[in-house]
Amino acid sequence: MFFIVIVGIILNLILAAYILNSSGLFGPRRFWDKAATVVSAEASFAVIVMMLLGTSRGAVVAVGSVALAAAVSTAVADLLKWRRPVFTHRREKTEEGDEMIIGDEDLFRRCCFYMENKRPFLVDALTLSDVAAALFTNTLYLSRTINAFSGKNFRRFVNDYRVDYAMNLFRKNMSLKVSELSEMSGFHTVVTFNMAFKLVKGVAPSIWCQAERFRAGKGSGKTT
């Protein structure tokens, strides 16, 4: 009987985490869908316990495990809120008036961390599917998240990282040509690099490079 109580507590903790977690165990789901899943699991557990222990004792064990798990899960939830920041979701209304999650802040932060530390954008053939697979999510949810929190589509989001990388490369080595910067920063063609760079900086990369050289030369002239 003690073992059954422990199993009941563990089950209810899992169900509590499932219904409190906005993304659930298998991606975004409506509250009522998750509530129905929880009720079905609870009912199945109660039936099994009553079959094993008898109706009266089984009902007491089932209800007791639910109550104890509810108290423990509340304490755990409070502890998690205290130990880590709360990540929010961006939502919008559909035409029918239902709320739809369009972005996950936690996913966006993980995506930015992945881009900044792994630098997958250096591969010119990088796709949304590649990034989604690396972050263990699906392409639609990732695309919505990037758009919601950056205001850019996936291609613009990636190209911005490439442009920043190219600028840093040039500041370290001002002898690099535009074509070399384009290839080294993950752009497929120089034309694409020129378009992306101008979209970010407002000028062509060749003009920006000239300005950086002039600024560097002027600075070194002041120090000599």
Protein backbone atom coordinates (compact mmCIF):
# COMPACT_ATOMS: atom_id res chain seq x y z
CA MET A 1 0.00 0.00 0.00
CA PHE A 2 2.89 2.36 0.80
CA PHE A 3 4.31 1.70 -2.67
CA ILE A 4 0.97 2.57 -4.28
CA VAL A 5 0.82 5.85 -2.34
CA ILE A 6 4.33 6.76 -3.56
CA VAL A 7 3.35 5.92 -7.15
CA GLY A 8 0.24 8.07 -6.78
CA ILE A 9 2.24 11.03 -5.47
CA ILE A 10 4.76 10.77 -8.31
CA LEU A 11 1.97 10.51 -10.88
CA ASN A 12 0.20 13.55 -9.51
CA LEU A 13 3.42 15.59 -9.42
CA ILE A 14 4.00 14.78 -13.08
CA LEU A 15 0.43 15.74 -13.94
CA ALA A 16 0.69 18.97 -11.94
CA ALA A 17 3.90 19.93 -13.77
CA TYR A 18 2.24 19.06 -17.07
CA ILE A 19 -0.79 21.26 -16.57
CA LEU A 20 1.20 24.17 -15.08
CA ASN A 21 3.79 24.12 -17.85
CA SER A 22 2.51 26.38 -20.64
CA SER A 23 4.16 24.28 -23.34
CA GLY A 24 3.13 20.93 -21.83
CA LEU A 25 5.03 17.72 -22.48
CA PHE A 26 4.40 17.64 -26.20
CA GLY A 27 4.35 21.27 -27.29
CA PRO A 28 1.71 24.00 -26.91
CA ARG A 29 -1.76 22.79 -26.00
CA ARG A 30 -4.91 24.46 -24.72
CA PHE A 31 -5.61 24.39 -21.00
CA TRP A 32 -8.78 22.35 -21.39
CA ASP A 33 -7.02 19.74 -23.53
CA LYS A 34 -4.41 19.29 -20.81
CA ALA A 35 -7.07 19.29 -18.09
CA ALA A 36 -8.90 16.46 -19.88
CA THR A 37 -5.67 14.47 -20.04
CA VAL A 38 -5.10 14.98 -16.31
CA VAL A 39 -8.65 13.92 -15.40
CA SER A 40 -8.35 10.77 -17.54
CA ALA A 41 -5.06 9.83 -15.90
CA GLU A 42 -6.44 10.45 -12.40
CA ALA A 43 -9.53 8.38 -13.12
CA SER A 44 -7.45 5.50 -14.47
CA PHE A 45 -5.18 5.59 -11.42
CA ALA A 46 -8.15 5.63 -9.03
CA VAL A 47 -9.78 2.66 -10.77
CA ILE A 48 -6.56 0.62 -10.63
CA VAL A 49 -6.04 1.42 -6.93
CA MET A 50 -9.63 0.50 -6.06
CA MET A 51 -9.27 -2.79 -7.93
CA LEU A 52 -6.10 -3.60 -5.97
CA LEU A 53 -7.17 -2.44 -2.51
CA GLY A 54 -10.92 -2.50 -2.61
CA THR A 55 -13.35 0.37 -3.13
CA SER A 56 -13.13 2.18 0.23
CA ARG A 57 -9.38 1.80 0.87
CA GLY A 58 -8.57 2.51 -2.77
CA ALA A 59 -10.57 5.71 -2.75
CA VAL A 60 -8.79 6.90 0.41
CA VAL A 61 -5.35 6.19 -1.10
CA ALA A 62 -6.22 7.85 -4.41
CA VAL A 63 -7.63 11.00 -2.77
CA GLY A 64 -4.79 11.12 -0.24
CA SER A 65 -2.10 10.93 -2.89
CA VAL A 66 -3.81 13.70 -4.89
CA ALA A 67 -3.99 15.97 -1.83
CA LEU A 68 -0.39 15.35 -0.79
CA ALA A 69 0.88 15.81 -4.35
CA ALA A 70 -1.05 19.07 -4.65
CA ALA A 71 0.64 20.44 -1.53
CA VAL A 72 4.11 19.31 -2.61
CA SER A 73 3.69 20.56 -6.19
CA THR A 74 2.67 24.00 -4.92
CA ALA A 75 5.85 24.22 -2.84
CA VAL A 76 7.95 23.02 -5.77
CA ALA A 77 6.35 25.57 -8.09
CA ASP A 78 7.09 28.38 -5.62
CA LEU A 79 10.69 27.19 -5.33
CA LEU A 80 11.14 27.13 -9.11
CA LYS A 81 9.73 30.66 -9.43
CA TRP A 82 12.18 31.84 -6.79
CA ARG A 83 15.21 30.10 -8.31
CA ARG A 84 14.80 31.02 -11.97
CA PRO A 85 13.25 33.81 -14.08
CA VAL A 86 9.77 33.37 -15.47
CA PHE A 87 9.69 33.03 -19.23
CA THR A 88 6.68 34.43 -21.00
CA HIS A 89 4.89 33.65 -24.21
CA ARG A 90 3.72 36.09 -26.82
CA ARG A 91 0.05 35.59 -27.65
CA GLU A 92 -2.36 36.97 -30.18
CA LYS A 93 -6.08 36.64 -30.84
CA THR A 94 -7.31 34.52 -33.72
CA GLU A 95 -10.27 35.59 -35.87
CA GLU A 96 -12.48 33.39 -33.72
CA GLY A 97 -11.34 35.22 -30.59
CA ASP A 98 -9.23 32.35 -29.22
CA GLU A 99 -5.77 33.01 -27.82
CA MET A 100 -2.87 31.51 -29.76
CA ILE A 101 0.72 31.32 -28.54
CA ILE A 102 2.96 32.89 -31.17
CA GLY A 103 6.30 32.97 -29.38
CA ASP A 104 8.25 31.41 -26.55
CA GLU A 105 10.79 33.67 -24.79
CA ASP A 106 12.73 30.71 -23.43
CA LEU A 107 13.02 29.24 -26.93
CA PHE A 108 14.11 32.61 -28.32
CA ARG A 109 16.83 32.95 -25.70
CA ARG A 110 18.07 29.45 -26.45
CA CYS A 111 18.05 30.27 -30.15
CA CYS A 112 20.12 33.43 -29.61
CA PHE A 113 22.54 31.52 -27.37
CA TYR A 114 22.89 28.83 -30.03
CA MET A 115 23.55 31.40 -32.77
CA GLU A 116 26.09 33.35 -30.72
CA ASN A 117 28.03 30.37 -29.38
CA LYS A 118 27.77 27.69 -32.08
CA ARG A 119 27.68 30.12 -35.03
CA PRO A 120 25.63 27.90 -37.36
CA PHE A 121 25.09 30.97 -39.58
CA LEU A 122 28.62 30.48 -40.96
CA VAL A 123 27.17 27.67 -43.07
CA ASP A 124 25.60 29.31 -46.12
CA ALA A 125 23.07 26.48 -46.54
CA LEU A 126 21.67 26.86 -43.00
CA THR A 127 17.90 26.32 -42.91
CA LEU A 128 15.14 26.84 -40.39
CA SER A 129 14.84 23.06 -40.12
CA ASP A 130 18.51 22.79 -39.11
CA VAL A 131 18.09 25.26 -36.25
CA ALA A 132 14.77 23.74 -35.15
CA ALA A 133 16.35 20.29 -34.97
CA ALA A 134 19.27 21.62 -32.92
CA LEU A 135 16.83 23.23 -30.46
CA PHE A 136 14.47 20.20 -30.35
CA THR A 137 11.44 22.10 -31.59
CA ASN A 138 9.43 22.36 -34.80
CA THR A 139 9.94 24.84 -37.63
CA LEU A 140 6.56 26.56 -37.35
CA TYR A 141 6.91 27.28 -33.62
CA LEU A 142 10.51 28.46 -34.04
CA SER A 143 9.61 30.71 -36.96
CA ARG A 144 6.76 32.31 -34.98
CA THR A 145 9.02 32.78 -31.96
CA ILE A 146 11.78 34.48 -33.95
CA ASN A 147 9.28 36.77 -35.63
CA ALA A 148 7.51 37.60 -32.36
CA PHE A 149 10.63 38.52 -30.37
CA SER A 150 12.93 39.94 -33.06
CA GLY A 151 10.43 41.37 -35.54
CA LYS A 152 12.31 39.58 -38.35
CA ASN A 153 11.83 36.48 -40.43
CA PHE A 154 14.32 33.64 -40.15
CA ARG A 155 16.45 34.71 -43.12
CA ARG A 156 16.78 38.30 -41.90
CA PHE A 157 17.48 37.04 -38.36
CA VAL A 158 20.35 34.85 -39.60
CA ASN A 159 21.75 37.47 -41.97
CA ASP A 160 21.96 40.00 -39.16
CA TYR A 161 24.27 37.63 -37.29
CA ARG A 162 26.32 37.21 -40.43
CA VAL A 163 26.64 40.95 -40.93
CA ASP A 164 27.76 41.47 -37.32
CA TYR A 165 30.30 38.68 -37.73
CA ALA A 166 31.63 40.24 -40.94
CA MET A 167 31.99 43.63 -39.25
CA ASN A 168 33.97 42.09 -36.40
CA LEU A 169 36.19 40.26 -38.88
CA PHE A 170 36.98 43.47 -40.70
CA ARG A 171 37.76 45.40 -37.53
CA LYS A 172 40.35 42.73 -36.70
CA ASN A 173 41.80 42.62 -40.21
CA MET A 174 41.14 45.67 -42.41
CA SER A 175 42.98 44.17 -45.34
CA LEU A 176 40.07 41.81 -46.02
CA LYS A 177 38.08 42.40 -49.21
CA VAL A 178 34.29 42.52 -49.41
CA SER A 179 34.22 39.20 -51.27
CA GLU A 180 36.33 37.60 -48.55
CA LEU A 181 34.11 38.98 -45.80
CA SER A 182 31.06 37.64 -47.62
CA GLU A 183 32.47 34.12 -47.88
CA MET A 184 33.90 34.03 -44.36
CA SER A 185 30.66 35.17 -42.71
CA GLY A 186 28.40 32.57 -44.35
CA PHE A 187 26.80 34.42 -47.27
CA HIS A 188 26.13 32.43 -50.41
CA THR A 189 26.98 35.30 -52.78
CA VAL A 190 28.48 38.79 -52.59
CA VAL A 191 25.21 40.20 -53.92
CA THR A 192 23.31 38.71 -50.97
CA PHE A 193 25.96 40.06 -48.61
CA ASN A 194 25.66 43.57 -50.09
CA MET A 195 21.86 43.54 -49.75
CA ALA A 196 21.90 42.22 -46.19
CA PHE A 197 24.64 44.62 -45.10
CA LYS A 198 22.87 47.63 -46.54
CA LEU A 199 19.65 46.57 -44.82
CA VAL A 200 21.45 46.53 -41.45
CA LYS A 201 23.85 49.48 -41.78
CA GLY A 202 22.15 51.60 -44.43
CA VAL A 203 25.27 51.67 -46.63
CA ALA A 204 27.09 49.21 -48.87
CA PRO A 205 29.84 47.16 -47.19
CA SER A 206 32.53 48.74 -49.37
CA ILE A 207 31.59 52.22 -48.14
CA TRP A 208 31.45 51.07 -44.53
CA CYS A 209 34.88 49.44 -44.87
CA GLN A 210 36.35 52.65 -46.26
CA ALA A 211 34.88 54.61 -43.34
CA GLU A 212 36.31 52.12 -40.84
CA ARG A 213 39.76 52.34 -42.42
CA PHE A 214 39.61 56.12 -42.30
CA ARG A 215 38.46 56.08 -38.68
CA ALA A 216 41.25 53.66 -37.72
CA GLY A 217 43.87 55.71 -39.55
CA LYS A 218 42.67 58.93 -37.99
CA GLY A 219 42.78 57.34 -34.56
CA SER A 220 46.28 56.01 -35.02
CA GLY A 221 47.38 59.43 -36.34
CA LYS A 222 46.20 61.06 -33.13
CA THR A 223 48.19 58.66 -31.02
CA THR A 224 51.45 59.19 -32.90
